[in-house]
Amino acid sequence: MEYDREGPSLPSARGPLSAAVRDHLRGTGPLPAPEAVAAADPYGDDLQLALYQCYELHYRGFAGVCPDLEWDPELLRVRGALERVFLAALREDTPVHDSVDEAVGDLLVEPVDGNGVSHFLRDKGELWHLREYAAQRSLYHLKEADPHAWVLPRLWGRAKAGMAAVEFDEYGGGRADRVHARLFADLMTDLGLDTAYGRYLDAACAELLATVNLMSLFGLHRSLRGALVGHFAAVEITSSPGSRRLAEAMRRTGAGPAAEFFYDEHVEADAVHEQVVRHEVIGGLLEEEPELAPDVVLGIDATGLVEDRLAARLLSDWRAGRSSLRVPLPSGISHTS
């Protein structure tokens, strides 16, 4: 994975909102009216892609798009309108636990007869399923840990120290070759995928975009710092068992050593991170700001909601023998075991 100074190309539009945002970034058109945003499907392709484009300006940006547009007042106004629609739907649709302890407790319980995506890939997945999964997830994993880093200046004491410790591991512990985004790019190489940042944006489904947008939404708003901590907890606590199943899937299909290593690394690292997140990050945050407990619960449960929606989409397509991608991948892969 070489560093691309230009950033990815702007994506193809999926409706009037994403088209208007794209055209504004190109300098060729007006932004959408507030009433058009308010009427949009909060989980649909058009709104999610429009929001993703707005958020990406805070990460690597897009090729040919002026970096100063990150703080364009009119674009921020539209982003805020998109966020309000998305957040309102999340608050309405998320089945919220009564307490942080209850929400975290449920994360710690592994289902006896699991039927999620990692179970499917471990037991029945073929290489084409694994390639699609990696292509979809690349929109996050090629910037792994970046959305969570936004919360660091908004924390204090134990919460900040614990969060920084976990992020340090995610960024390779000071070693560029162990940065988790780098390890995921190596996984993609084993699977014969293009490792360019943002390469599969046009192919990713709306449900995947929502999982990435959720962490950007929480991370970019200081008022939602509790929700970002909840999201981070949900990811870290559930990562180790899921990664173990995905590592088994990579081994069973002969995906390649780097593909196996990425998930093996997460099995070990995230088992440790789970303890730090529970006791230091959540514990430290609520010790300083106990009033944020409902937001932590929202972050945990909203993560479950968007991940369940993604799982339903992937499994529905795969069980029917269909591609889960809007733009299917070429059939050949370069790796041979």
C-alpha atoms as a PDB file:
ATOM      1  CA  MET A   1       0.000   0.000   0.000  1.00  0.00           C
ATOM      2  CA  GLU A   2       1.669   3.181  -1.193  1.00  0.00           C
ATOM      3  CA  TYR A   3       0.636   6.532   0.241  1.00  0.00           C
ATOM      4  CA  ASP A   4      -1.640   8.323  -2.229  1.00  0.00           C
ATOM      5  CA  ARG A   5      -1.189  12.053  -1.772  1.00  0.00           C
ATOM      6  CA  GLU A   6      -4.074  12.827  -4.107  1.00  0.00           C
ATOM      7  CA  GLY A   7      -6.698  10.730  -2.347  1.00  0.00           C
ATOM      8  CA  PRO A   8      -9.378   8.618  -4.016  1.00  0.00           C
ATOM      9  CA  SER A   9     -11.556   9.808  -6.873  1.00  0.00           C
ATOM     10  CA  LEU A  10     -14.971  11.201  -6.069  1.00  0.00           C
ATOM     11  CA  PRO A  11     -17.573   8.417  -6.167  1.00  0.00           C
ATOM     12  CA  SER A  12     -20.426   8.021  -8.599  1.00  0.00           C
ATOM     13  CA  ALA A  13     -23.640   9.542  -7.276  1.00  0.00           C
ATOM     14  CA  ARG A  14     -26.417   7.337  -5.915  1.00  0.00           C
ATOM     15  CA  GLY A  15     -29.158   9.955  -5.935  1.00  0.00           C
ATOM     16  CA  PRO A  16     -29.751  13.715  -5.833  1.00  0.00           C
ATOM     17  CA  LEU A  17     -28.131  14.344  -2.433  1.00  0.00           C
ATOM     18  CA  SER A  18     -24.874  12.545  -3.157  1.00  0.00           C
ATOM     19  CA  ALA A  19     -24.833  14.088  -6.645  1.00  0.00           C
ATOM     20  CA  ALA A  20     -25.230  17.596  -5.244  1.00  0.00           C
ATOM     21  CA  VAL A  21     -22.460  17.092  -2.660  1.00  0.00           C
ATOM     22  CA  ARG A  22     -20.162  15.609  -5.310  1.00  0.00           C
ATOM     23  CA  ASP A  23     -20.840  18.469  -7.725  1.00  0.00           C
ATOM     24  CA  HIS A  24     -20.234  21.045  -4.990  1.00  0.00           C
ATOM     25  CA  LEU A  25     -16.887  19.424  -4.216  1.00  0.00           C
ATOM     26  CA  ARG A  26     -16.072  19.709  -7.909  1.00  0.00           C
ATOM     27  CA  GLY A  27     -17.144  23.354  -7.875  1.00  0.00           C
ATOM     28  CA  THR A  28     -19.853  22.748 -10.457  1.00  0.00           C
ATOM     29  CA  GLY A  29     -23.179  22.858  -8.622  1.00  0.00           C
ATOM     30  CA  PRO A  30     -25.267  23.989  -5.641  1.00  0.00           C
ATOM     31  CA  LEU A  31     -25.791  21.988  -2.475  1.00  0.00           C
ATOM     32  CA  PRO A  32     -29.157  20.334  -1.736  1.00  0.00           C
ATOM     33  CA  ALA A  33     -31.945  22.209   0.007  1.00  0.00           C
ATOM     34  CA  PRO A  34     -32.691  21.318   3.665  1.00  0.00           C
ATOM     35  CA  GLU A  35     -36.141  19.955   2.791  1.00  0.00           C
ATOM     36  CA  ALA A  36     -34.587  17.475   0.352  1.00  0.00           C
ATOM     37  CA  VAL A  37     -32.299  16.205   3.098  1.00  0.00           C
ATOM     38  CA  ALA A  38     -35.131  15.903   5.618  1.00  0.00           C
ATOM     39  CA  ALA A  39     -37.130  13.670   3.260  1.00  0.00           C
ATOM     40  CA  ALA A  40     -34.288  11.228   2.556  1.00  0.00           C
ATOM     41  CA  ASP A  41     -34.056   7.617   3.727  1.00  0.00           C
ATOM     42  CA  PRO A  42     -31.632   7.821   6.687  1.00  0.00           C
ATOM     43  CA  TYR A  43     -30.102   4.430   5.865  1.00  0.00           C
ATOM     44  CA  GLY A  44     -30.316   4.679   2.083  1.00  0.00           C
ATOM     45  CA  ASP A  45     -27.523   4.838  -0.465  1.00  0.00           C
ATOM     46  CA  ASP A  46     -28.050   8.496  -1.313  1.00  0.00           C
ATOM     47  CA  LEU A  47     -27.895   9.978   2.179  1.00  0.00           C
ATOM     48  CA  GLN A  48     -25.150   7.651   3.382  1.00  0.00           C
ATOM     49  CA  LEU A  49     -22.911   8.436   0.398  1.00  0.00           C
ATOM     50  CA  ALA A  50     -23.574  12.168   0.705  1.00  0.00           C
ATOM     51  CA  LEU A  51     -22.582  12.005   4.370  1.00  0.00           C
ATOM     52  CA  TYR A  52     -19.543   9.833   3.630  1.00  0.00           C
ATOM     53  CA  GLN A  53     -18.272  12.408   1.128  1.00  0.00           C
ATOM     54  CA  CYS A  54     -18.642  15.175   3.708  1.00  0.00           C
ATOM     55  CA  TYR A  55     -16.798  13.164   6.353  1.00  0.00           C
ATOM     56  CA  GLU A  56     -13.984  12.063   4.059  1.00  0.00           C
ATOM     57  CA  LEU A  57     -12.832  15.680   3.828  1.00  0.00           C
ATOM     58  CA  HIS A  58     -11.741  15.304   7.482  1.00  0.00           C
ATOM     59  CA  TYR A  59      -9.587  12.267   6.621  1.00  0.00           C
ATOM     60  CA  ARG A  60      -7.678  11.992   3.336  1.00  0.00           C
ATOM     61  CA  GLY A  61     -10.007  13.966   1.085  1.00  0.00           C
ATOM     62  CA  PHE A  62     -10.598  13.337  -2.617  1.00  0.00           C
ATOM     63  CA  ALA A  63      -8.426  13.824  -5.674  1.00  0.00           C
ATOM     64  CA  GLY A  64      -8.928  17.253  -7.183  1.00  0.00           C
ATOM     65  CA  VAL A  65     -10.985  18.582  -4.257  1.00  0.00           C
ATOM     66  CA  CYS A  66      -9.698  21.683  -2.473  1.00  0.00           C
ATOM     67  CA  PRO A  67      -8.659  20.804   1.107  1.00  0.00           C
ATOM     68  CA  ASP A  68     -10.167  24.072   2.357  1.00  0.00           C
ATOM     69  CA  LEU A  69     -13.650  22.698   1.646  1.00  0.00           C
ATOM     70  CA  GLU A  70     -13.280  20.701   4.870  1.00  0.00           C
ATOM     71  CA  TRP A  71     -14.484  23.846   6.674  1.00  0.00           C
ATOM     72  CA  ASP A  72     -16.775  25.273   3.984  1.00  0.00           C
ATOM     73  CA  PRO A  73     -19.723  26.783   5.935  1.00  0.00           C
ATOM     74  CA  GLU A  74     -22.368  25.769   3.416  1.00  0.00           C
ATOM     75  CA  LEU A  75     -21.075  22.209   3.207  1.00  0.00           C
ATOM     76  CA  LEU A  76     -21.004  21.992   7.007  1.00  0.00           C
ATOM     77  CA  ARG A  77     -24.605  23.191   7.071  1.00  0.00           C
ATOM     78  CA  VAL A  78     -25.629  20.374   4.740  1.00  0.00           C
ATOM     79  CA  ARG A  79     -23.536  17.869   6.667  1.00  0.00           C
ATOM     80  CA  GLY A  80     -25.334  18.912   9.835  1.00  0.00           C
ATOM     81  CA  ALA A  81     -28.705  18.361   8.170  1.00  0.00           C
ATOM     82  CA  LEU A  82     -27.639  14.906   6.960  1.00  0.00           C
ATOM     83  CA  GLU A  83     -26.370  14.062  10.442  1.00  0.00           C
ATOM     84  CA  ARG A  84     -29.617  15.096  12.106  1.00  0.00           C
ATOM     85  CA  VAL A  85     -31.605  12.754   9.873  1.00  0.00           C
ATOM     86  CA  PHE A  86     -29.213   9.865  10.506  1.00  0.00           C
ATOM     87  CA  LEU A  87     -28.935  10.462  14.254  1.00  0.00           C
ATOM     88  CA  ALA A  88     -32.691  10.814  14.699  1.00  0.00           C
ATOM     89  CA  ALA A  89     -33.198   7.452  12.994  1.00  0.00           C
ATOM     90  CA  LEU A  90     -30.519   5.861  15.163  1.00  0.00           C
ATOM     91  CA  ARG A  91     -32.099   7.187  18.343  1.00  0.00           C
ATOM     92  CA  GLU A  92     -35.519   5.942  17.262  1.00  0.00           C
ATOM     93  CA  ASP A  93     -34.464   2.518  15.966  1.00  0.00           C
ATOM     94  CA  THR A  94     -31.762   1.513  18.439  1.00  0.00           C
ATOM     95  CA  PRO A  95     -32.975  -0.869  21.184  1.00  0.00           C
ATOM     96  CA  VAL A  96     -31.184   0.791  24.096  1.00  0.00           C
ATOM     97  CA  HIS A  97     -30.115  -1.155  27.196  1.00  0.00           C
ATOM     98  CA  ASP A  98     -31.047   0.177  30.627  1.00  0.00           C
ATOM     99  CA  SER A  99     -27.464   0.585  31.825  1.00  0.00           C
ATOM    100  CA  VAL A 100     -23.843   0.509  30.713  1.00  0.00           C
ATOM    101  CA  ASP A 101     -23.232  -2.655  32.749  1.00  0.00           C
ATOM    102  CA  GLU A 102     -26.122  -4.399  31.005  1.00  0.00           C
ATOM    103  CA  ALA A 103     -24.984  -3.284  27.551  1.00  0.00           C
ATOM    104  CA  VAL A 104     -21.377  -4.338  28.147  1.00  0.00           C
ATOM    105  CA  GLY A 105     -22.510  -7.596  29.737  1.00  0.00           C
ATOM    106  CA  ASP A 106     -24.406  -8.561  26.607  1.00  0.00           C
ATOM    107  CA  LEU A 107     -21.341  -7.826  24.466  1.00  0.00           C
ATOM    108  CA  LEU A 108     -19.356 -10.301  26.553  1.00  0.00           C
ATOM    109  CA  VAL A 109     -21.790 -13.166  25.909  1.00  0.00           C
ATOM    110  CA  GLU A 110     -20.986 -15.248  22.833  1.00  0.00           C
ATOM    111  CA  PRO A 111     -24.100 -16.877  21.285  1.00  0.00           C
ATOM    112  CA  VAL A 112     -24.139 -20.672  21.540  1.00  0.00           C
ATOM    113  CA  ASP A 113     -25.395 -21.123  17.986  1.00  0.00           C
ATOM    114  CA  GLY A 114     -23.975 -18.076  16.251  1.00  0.00           C
ATOM    115  CA  ASN A 115     -25.211 -17.291  12.755  1.00  0.00           C
ATOM    116  CA  GLY A 116     -23.433 -14.024  11.987  1.00  0.00           C
ATOM    117  CA  VAL A 117     -21.100 -13.104   9.154  1.00  0.00           C
ATOM    118  CA  SER A 118     -17.950 -14.429  10.833  1.00  0.00           C
ATOM    119  CA  HIS A 119     -19.691 -17.745  11.557  1.00  0.00           C
ATOM    120  CA  PHE A 120     -20.787 -18.002   7.914  1.00  0.00           C
ATOM    121  CA  LEU A 121     -17.310 -17.210   6.623  1.00  0.00           C
ATOM    122  CA  ARG A 122     -15.670 -19.686   9.016  1.00  0.00           C
ATOM    123  CA  ASP A 123     -18.040 -22.545   8.183  1.00  0.00           C
ATOM    124  CA  LYS A 124     -19.119 -21.966   4.570  1.00  0.00           C
ATOM    125  CA  GLY A 125     -17.218 -19.015   3.178  1.00  0.00           C
ATOM    126  CA  GLU A 126     -15.440 -19.284  -0.152  1.00  0.00           C
ATOM    127  CA  LEU A 127     -12.635 -17.046  -1.362  1.00  0.00           C
ATOM    128  CA  TRP A 128     -15.055 -14.826  -3.237  1.00  0.00           C
ATOM    129  CA  HIS A 129     -16.988 -14.189  -0.023  1.00  0.00           C
ATOM    130  CA  LEU A 130     -13.773 -13.289   1.809  1.00  0.00           C
ATOM    131  CA  ARG A 131     -12.688 -10.969  -0.992  1.00  0.00           C
ATOM    132  CA  GLU A 132     -16.019  -9.170  -0.936  1.00  0.00           C
ATOM    133  CA  TYR A 133     -15.919  -8.871   2.836  1.00  0.00           C
ATOM    134  CA  ALA A 134     -12.424  -7.381   2.710  1.00  0.00           C
ATOM    135  CA  ALA A 135     -13.366  -4.967  -0.081  1.00  0.00           C
ATOM    136  CA  GLN A 136     -16.362  -3.729   1.909  1.00  0.00           C
ATOM    137  CA  ARG A 137     -14.484  -3.431   5.198  1.00  0.00           C
ATOM    138  CA  SER A 138     -11.528  -1.682   3.546  1.00  0.00           C
ATOM    139  CA  LEU A 139     -13.393   1.623   3.809  1.00  0.00           C
ATOM    140  CA  TYR A 140     -12.760   1.443   7.545  1.00  0.00           C
ATOM    141  CA  HIS A 141      -9.722  -0.782   7.939  1.00  0.00           C
ATOM    142  CA  LEU A 142      -7.510   1.318   5.642  1.00  0.00           C
ATOM    143  CA  LYS A 143      -8.052   4.132   8.153  1.00  0.00           C
ATOM    144  CA  GLU A 144      -8.411   1.858  11.169  1.00  0.00           C
ATOM    145  CA  ALA A 145      -8.373   3.733  14.499  1.00  0.00           C
ATOM    146  CA  ASP A 146      -8.505   7.169  12.838  1.00  0.00           C
ATOM    147  CA  PRO A 147     -12.206   7.869  13.593  1.00  0.00           C
ATOM    148  CA  HIS A 148     -11.675   6.967  17.257  1.00  0.00           C
ATOM    149  CA  ALA A 149      -8.668   9.278  17.576  1.00  0.00           C
ATOM    150  CA  TRP A 150     -10.996  12.297  17.371  1.00  0.00           C
ATOM    151  CA  VAL A 151     -12.123  11.608  20.937  1.00  0.00           C
ATOM    152  CA  LEU A 152      -8.683  11.846  22.572  1.00  0.00           C
ATOM    153  CA  PRO A 153      -8.660  15.628  23.209  1.00  0.00           C
ATOM    154  CA  ARG A 154     -12.186  15.283  24.625  1.00  0.00           C
ATOM    155  CA  LEU A 155     -11.210  12.820  27.351  1.00  0.00           C
ATOM    156  CA  TRP A 156      -9.310  13.201  30.605  1.00  0.00           C
ATOM    157  CA  GLY A 157      -7.387  11.111  33.107  1.00  0.00           C
ATOM    158  CA  ARG A 158      -7.877   7.340  33.042  1.00  0.00           C
ATOM    159  CA  ALA A 159     -10.165   7.460  30.017  1.00  0.00           C
ATOM    160  CA  LYS A 160      -7.638   9.399  27.946  1.00  0.00           C
ATOM    161  CA  ALA A 161      -4.703   7.251  29.065  1.00  0.00           C
ATOM    162  CA  GLY A 162      -6.554   4.010  28.325  1.00  0.00           C
ATOM    163  CA  MET A 163      -7.795   5.231  24.960  1.00  0.00           C
ATOM    164  CA  ALA A 164      -4.310   6.402  23.976  1.00  0.00           C
ATOM    165  CA  ALA A 165      -2.819   3.051  24.981  1.00  0.00           C
ATOM    166  CA  VAL A 166      -5.211   1.112  22.758  1.00  0.00           C
ATOM    167  CA  GLU A 167      -4.781   3.540  19.871  1.00  0.00           C
ATOM    168  CA  PHE A 168      -0.992   3.216  20.192  1.00  0.00           C
ATOM    169  CA  ASP A 169      -1.373  -0.520  19.575  1.00  0.00           C
ATOM    170  CA  GLU A 170      -3.708   0.105  16.624  1.00  0.00           C
ATOM    171  CA  TYR A 171      -1.043   2.348  15.113  1.00  0.00           C
ATOM    172  CA  GLY A 172       1.587  -0.362  15.364  1.00  0.00           C
ATOM    173  CA  GLY A 173       3.211   0.513  18.675  1.00  0.00           C
ATOM    174  CA  GLY A 174       5.649   2.804  16.886  1.00  0.00           C
ATOM    175  CA  ARG A 175       6.365   0.400  14.011  1.00  0.00           C
ATOM    176  CA  ALA A 176       5.086   1.421  10.594  1.00  0.00           C
ATOM    177  CA  ASP A 177       4.967  -2.186   9.385  1.00  0.00           C
ATOM    178  CA  ARG A 178       2.615  -3.121  12.255  1.00  0.00           C
ATOM    179  CA  VAL A 179       0.082  -0.322  11.781  1.00  0.00           C
ATOM    180  CA  HIS A 180      -3.231  -2.149  11.502  1.00  0.00           C
ATOM    181  CA  ALA A 181      -4.188  -0.309   8.310  1.00  0.00           C
ATOM    182  CA  ARG A 182      -0.905  -1.552   6.811  1.00  0.00           C
ATOM    183  CA  LEU A 183      -1.651  -5.109   7.952  1.00  0.00           C
ATOM    184  CA  PHE A 184      -5.084  -4.923   6.343  1.00  0.00           C
ATOM    185  CA  ALA A 185      -3.539  -3.748   3.079  1.00  0.00           C
ATOM    186  CA  ASP A 186      -1.302  -6.831   3.221  1.00  0.00           C
ATOM    187  CA  LEU A 187      -4.414  -8.957   3.730  1.00  0.00           C
ATOM    188  CA  MET A 188      -5.957  -7.348   0.657  1.00  0.00           C
ATOM    189  CA  THR A 189      -2.839  -8.137  -1.359  1.00  0.00           C
ATOM    190  CA  ASP A 190      -3.135 -11.816  -0.404  1.00  0.00           C
ATOM    191  CA  LEU A 191      -6.731 -11.725  -1.629  1.00  0.00           C
ATOM    192  CA  GLY A 192      -5.810 -10.084  -4.926  1.00  0.00           C
ATOM    193  CA  LEU A 193      -7.499  -6.780  -4.090  1.00  0.00           C
ATOM    194  CA  ASP A 194      -6.454  -3.234  -4.914  1.00  0.00           C
ATOM    195  CA  THR A 195      -5.010  -1.668  -1.751  1.00  0.00           C
ATOM    196  CA  ALA A 196      -5.545   1.946  -2.833  1.00  0.00           C
ATOM    197  CA  TYR A 197      -7.306   3.973  -0.143  1.00  0.00           C
ATOM    198  CA  GLY A 198     -11.009   4.355  -0.968  1.00  0.00           C
ATOM    199  CA  ARG A 199     -10.740   2.108  -4.022  1.00  0.00           C
ATOM    200  CA  TYR A 200     -13.970   0.238  -3.231  1.00  0.00           C
ATOM    201  CA  LEU A 201     -16.167   3.193  -2.275  1.00  0.00           C
ATOM    202  CA  ASP A 202     -18.293   2.825  -5.407  1.00  0.00           C
ATOM    203  CA  ALA A 203     -18.698  -0.897  -4.709  1.00  0.00           C
ATOM    204  CA  ALA A 204     -19.634  -0.693  -1.017  1.00  0.00           C
ATOM    205  CA  CYS A 205     -23.268  -1.059   0.009  1.00  0.00           C
ATOM    206  CA  ALA A 206     -25.199   1.549   2.002  1.00  0.00           C
ATOM    207  CA  GLU A 207     -25.177  -0.672   5.075  1.00  0.00           C
ATOM    208  CA  LEU A 208     -21.371  -0.657   5.081  1.00  0.00           C
ATOM    209  CA  LEU A 209     -21.236   3.114   4.592  1.00  0.00           C
ATOM    210  CA  ALA A 210     -23.462   3.500   7.653  1.00  0.00           C
ATOM    211  CA  THR A 211     -20.996   1.582   9.842  1.00  0.00           C
ATOM    212  CA  VAL A 212     -18.181   3.955   8.879  1.00  0.00           C
ATOM    213  CA  ASN A 213     -20.344   7.071   9.037  1.00  0.00           C
ATOM    214  CA  LEU A 214     -21.491   6.129  12.534  1.00  0.00           C
ATOM    215  CA  MET A 215     -17.993   6.343  13.996  1.00  0.00           C
ATOM    216  CA  SER A 216     -17.275   9.592  12.135  1.00  0.00           C
ATOM    217  CA  LEU A 217     -20.542  11.056  13.438  1.00  0.00           C
ATOM    218  CA  PHE A 218     -19.676  10.172  17.018  1.00  0.00           C
ATOM    219  CA  GLY A 219     -16.008  11.085  16.688  1.00  0.00           C
ATOM    220  CA  LEU A 220     -16.469  14.528  15.149  1.00  0.00           C
ATOM    221  CA  HIS A 221     -18.930  15.787  17.779  1.00  0.00           C
ATOM    222  CA  ARG A 222     -17.692  16.539  21.272  1.00  0.00           C
ATOM    223  CA  SER A 223     -21.280  16.268  22.489  1.00  0.00           C
ATOM    224  CA  LEU A 224     -21.247  12.608  21.370  1.00  0.00           C
ATOM    225  CA  ARG A 225     -17.942  11.645  23.012  1.00  0.00           C
ATOM    226  CA  GLY A 226     -19.765   9.182  25.249  1.00  0.00           C
ATOM    227  CA  ALA A 227     -21.301   7.509  22.209  1.00  0.00           C
ATOM    228  CA  LEU A 228     -17.876   7.259  20.568  1.00  0.00           C
ATOM    229  CA  VAL A 229     -16.527   5.529  23.683  1.00  0.00           C
ATOM    230  CA  GLY A 230     -19.508   3.161  23.543  1.00  0.00           C
ATOM    231  CA  HIS A 231     -18.838   2.434  19.889  1.00  0.00           C
ATOM    232  CA  PHE A 232     -15.172   1.802  20.613  1.00  0.00           C
ATOM    233  CA  ALA A 233     -16.117  -0.575  23.420  1.00  0.00           C
ATOM    234  CA  ALA A 234     -18.481  -2.513  21.167  1.00  0.00           C
ATOM    235  CA  VAL A 235     -15.774  -2.916  18.532  1.00  0.00           C
ATOM    236  CA  GLU A 236     -12.999  -3.938  20.917  1.00  0.00           C
ATOM    237  CA  ILE A 237     -15.058  -6.276  23.108  1.00  0.00           C
ATOM    238  CA  THR A 238     -16.522  -8.233  20.198  1.00  0.00           C
ATOM    239  CA  SER A 239     -13.406  -8.194  18.020  1.00  0.00           C
ATOM    240  CA  SER A 240     -11.412 -11.064  19.521  1.00  0.00           C
ATOM    241  CA  PRO A 241     -13.925 -13.923  19.041  1.00  0.00           C
ATOM    242  CA  GLY A 242     -14.995 -12.619  15.635  1.00  0.00           C
ATOM    243  CA  SER A 243     -11.379 -12.284  14.526  1.00  0.00           C
ATOM    244  CA  ARG A 244     -10.687 -15.858  15.632  1.00  0.00           C
ATOM    245  CA  ARG A 245     -13.452 -17.101  13.336  1.00  0.00           C
ATOM    246  CA  LEU A 246     -12.222 -14.955  10.451  1.00  0.00           C
ATOM    247  CA  ALA A 247      -8.659 -16.213  10.917  1.00  0.00           C
ATOM    248  CA  GLU A 248     -10.013 -19.759  10.707  1.00  0.00           C
ATOM    249  CA  ALA A 249     -11.851 -18.831   7.504  1.00  0.00           C
ATOM    250  CA  MET A 250      -8.655 -17.442   5.988  1.00  0.00           C
ATOM    251  CA  ARG A 251      -6.731 -20.617   6.886  1.00  0.00           C
ATOM    252  CA  ARG A 252      -9.427 -22.964   5.646  1.00  0.00           C
ATOM    253  CA  THR A 253      -9.613 -21.259   2.247  1.00  0.00           C
ATOM    254  CA  GLY A 254      -5.857 -20.791   1.831  1.00  0.00           C
ATOM    255  CA  ALA A 255      -6.238 -17.034   1.606  1.00  0.00           C
ATOM    256  CA  GLY A 256      -2.602 -16.417   2.478  1.00  0.00           C
ATOM    257  CA  PRO A 257      -0.305 -15.716   5.438  1.00  0.00           C
ATOM    258  CA  ALA A 258      -0.948 -11.974   5.639  1.00  0.00           C
ATOM    259  CA  ALA A 259      -4.700 -12.578   5.523  1.00  0.00           C
ATOM    260  CA  GLU A 260      -4.400 -14.988   8.434  1.00  0.00           C
ATOM    261  CA  PHE A 261      -2.029 -12.727  10.362  1.00  0.00           C
ATOM    262  CA  PHE A 262      -4.316  -9.696  10.319  1.00  0.00           C
ATOM    263  CA  TYR A 263      -7.035 -11.532  12.211  1.00  0.00           C
ATOM    264  CA  ASP A 264      -4.639 -13.537  14.391  1.00  0.00           C
ATOM    265  CA  GLU A 265      -3.154 -10.226  15.512  1.00  0.00           C
ATOM    266  CA  HIS A 266      -6.605  -8.949  16.482  1.00  0.00           C
ATOM    267  CA  VAL A 267      -7.431 -12.082  18.480  1.00  0.00           C
ATOM    268  CA  GLU A 268      -4.534 -11.455  20.844  1.00  0.00           C
ATOM    269  CA  ALA A 269      -4.454  -7.659  20.871  1.00  0.00           C
ATOM    270  CA  ASP A 270      -8.176  -7.081  21.275  1.00  0.00           C
ATOM    271  CA  ALA A 271      -8.478  -9.546  24.142  1.00  0.00           C
ATOM    272  CA  VAL A 272      -6.166  -7.192  26.052  1.00  0.00           C
ATOM    273  CA  HIS A 273      -7.882  -4.082  24.700  1.00  0.00           C
ATOM    274  CA  GLU A 274     -11.230  -5.339  25.991  1.00  0.00           C
ATOM    275  CA  GLN A 275     -10.007  -5.096  29.582  1.00  0.00           C
ATOM    276  CA  VAL A 276      -8.502  -1.641  29.079  1.00  0.00           C
ATOM    277  CA  VAL A 277     -11.638  -0.305  27.397  1.00  0.00           C
ATOM    278  CA  ARG A 278     -13.995  -1.679  30.038  1.00  0.00           C
ATOM    279  CA  HIS A 279     -12.066  -0.694  33.133  1.00  0.00           C
ATOM    280  CA  GLU A 280     -10.090   2.380  32.087  1.00  0.00           C
ATOM    281  CA  VAL A 281     -11.846   4.047  29.148  1.00  0.00           C
ATOM    282  CA  ILE A 282     -15.479   3.482  30.132  1.00  0.00           C
ATOM    283  CA  GLY A 283     -14.728   3.381  33.851  1.00  0.00           C
ATOM    284  CA  GLY A 284     -12.594   6.503  33.716  1.00  0.00           C
ATOM    285  CA  LEU A 285     -15.080   8.427  31.578  1.00  0.00           C
ATOM    286  CA  LEU A 286     -18.034   7.673  33.836  1.00  0.00           C
ATOM    287  CA  GLU A 287     -16.000   8.421  36.945  1.00  0.00           C
ATOM    288  CA  GLU A 288     -15.419  11.939  35.604  1.00  0.00           C
ATOM    289  CA  GLU A 289     -18.710  12.406  33.725  1.00  0.00           C
ATOM    290  CA  PRO A 290     -21.370   9.967  34.991  1.00  0.00           C
ATOM    291  CA  GLU A 291     -24.058  11.863  33.098  1.00  0.00           C
ATOM    292  CA  LEU A 292     -22.641  10.435  29.854  1.00  0.00           C
ATOM    293  CA  ALA A 293     -23.768   6.882  30.682  1.00  0.00           C
ATOM    294  CA  PRO A 294     -26.830   7.059  28.368  1.00  0.00           C
ATOM    295  CA  ASP A 295     -24.588   8.158  25.498  1.00  0.00           C
ATOM    296  CA  VAL A 296     -22.197   5.259  26.114  1.00  0.00           C
ATOM    297  CA  VAL A 297     -25.175   2.904  25.931  1.00  0.00           C
ATOM    298  CA  LEU A 298     -26.351   4.583  22.723  1.00  0.00           C
ATOM    299  CA  GLY A 299     -22.913   4.102  21.185  1.00  0.00           C
ATOM    300  CA  ILE A 300     -22.855   0.409  22.058  1.00  0.00           C
ATOM    301  CA  ASP A 301     -26.367  -0.288  20.885  1.00  0.00           C
ATOM    302  CA  ALA A 302     -26.265   1.850  17.726  1.00  0.00           C
ATOM    303  CA  THR A 303     -23.137  -0.054  16.719  1.00  0.00           C
ATOM    304  CA  GLY A 304     -25.090  -3.279  17.112  1.00  0.00           C
ATOM    305  CA  LEU A 305     -27.909  -1.861  14.995  1.00  0.00           C
ATOM    306  CA  VAL A 306     -25.784  -0.855  11.997  1.00  0.00           C
ATOM    307  CA  GLU A 307     -23.665  -4.012  12.193  1.00  0.00           C
ATOM    308  CA  ASP A 308     -26.808  -6.167  12.264  1.00  0.00           C
ATOM    309  CA  ARG A 309     -28.117  -4.337   9.199  1.00  0.00           C
ATOM    310  CA  LEU A 310     -24.840  -4.971   7.384  1.00  0.00           C
ATOM    311  CA  ALA A 311     -24.825  -8.636   8.388  1.00  0.00           C
ATOM    312  CA  ALA A 312     -28.386  -9.093   7.133  1.00  0.00           C
ATOM    313  CA  ARG A 313     -27.439  -7.568   3.778  1.00  0.00           C
ATOM    314  CA  LEU A 314     -24.288  -9.639   3.323  1.00  0.00           C
ATOM    315  CA  LEU A 315     -25.850 -12.936   4.375  1.00  0.00           C
ATOM    316  CA  SER A 316     -28.975 -12.393   2.290  1.00  0.00           C
ATOM    317  CA  ASP A 317     -26.892 -11.808  -0.821  1.00  0.00           C
ATOM    318  CA  TRP A 318     -24.377 -14.579  -0.203  1.00  0.00           C
ATOM    319  CA  ARG A 319     -26.954 -17.223   0.673  1.00  0.00           C
ATOM    320  CA  ALA A 320     -28.722 -16.385  -2.577  1.00  0.00           C
ATOM    321  CA  GLY A 321     -25.443 -16.697  -4.498  1.00  0.00           C
ATOM    322  CA  ARG A 322     -25.353 -12.954  -5.251  1.00  0.00           C
ATOM    323  CA  SER A 323     -22.565 -10.447  -4.893  1.00  0.00           C
ATOM    324  CA  SER A 324     -22.990  -8.064  -1.961  1.00  0.00           C
ATOM    325  CA  LEU A 325     -21.138  -5.352  -3.870  1.00  0.00           C
ATOM    326  CA  ARG A 326     -22.672  -2.724  -6.121  1.00  0.00           C
ATOM    327  CA  VAL A 327     -19.768  -3.334  -8.514  1.00  0.00           C
ATOM    328  CA  PRO A 328     -18.722  -7.022  -8.418  1.00  0.00           C
ATOM    329  CA  LEU A 329     -15.032  -7.843  -8.209  1.00  0.00           C
ATOM    330  CA  PRO A 330     -13.107  -9.455 -11.073  1.00  0.00           C
ATOM    331  CA  SER A 331     -13.103 -13.218 -10.600  1.00  0.00           C
ATOM    332  CA  GLY A 332      -9.338 -13.799 -10.693  1.00  0.00           C
ATOM    333  CA  ILE A 333      -6.956 -13.338  -7.771  1.00  0.00           C
ATOM    334  CA  SER A 334      -3.197 -13.076  -7.829  1.00  0.00           C
ATOM    335  CA  HIS A 335      -2.505 -15.089  -4.667  1.00  0.00           C
ATOM    336  CA  THR A 336      -1.937 -18.812  -4.908  1.00  0.00           C
ATOM    337  CA  SER A 337      -1.436 -20.959  -1.852  1.00  0.00           C
END
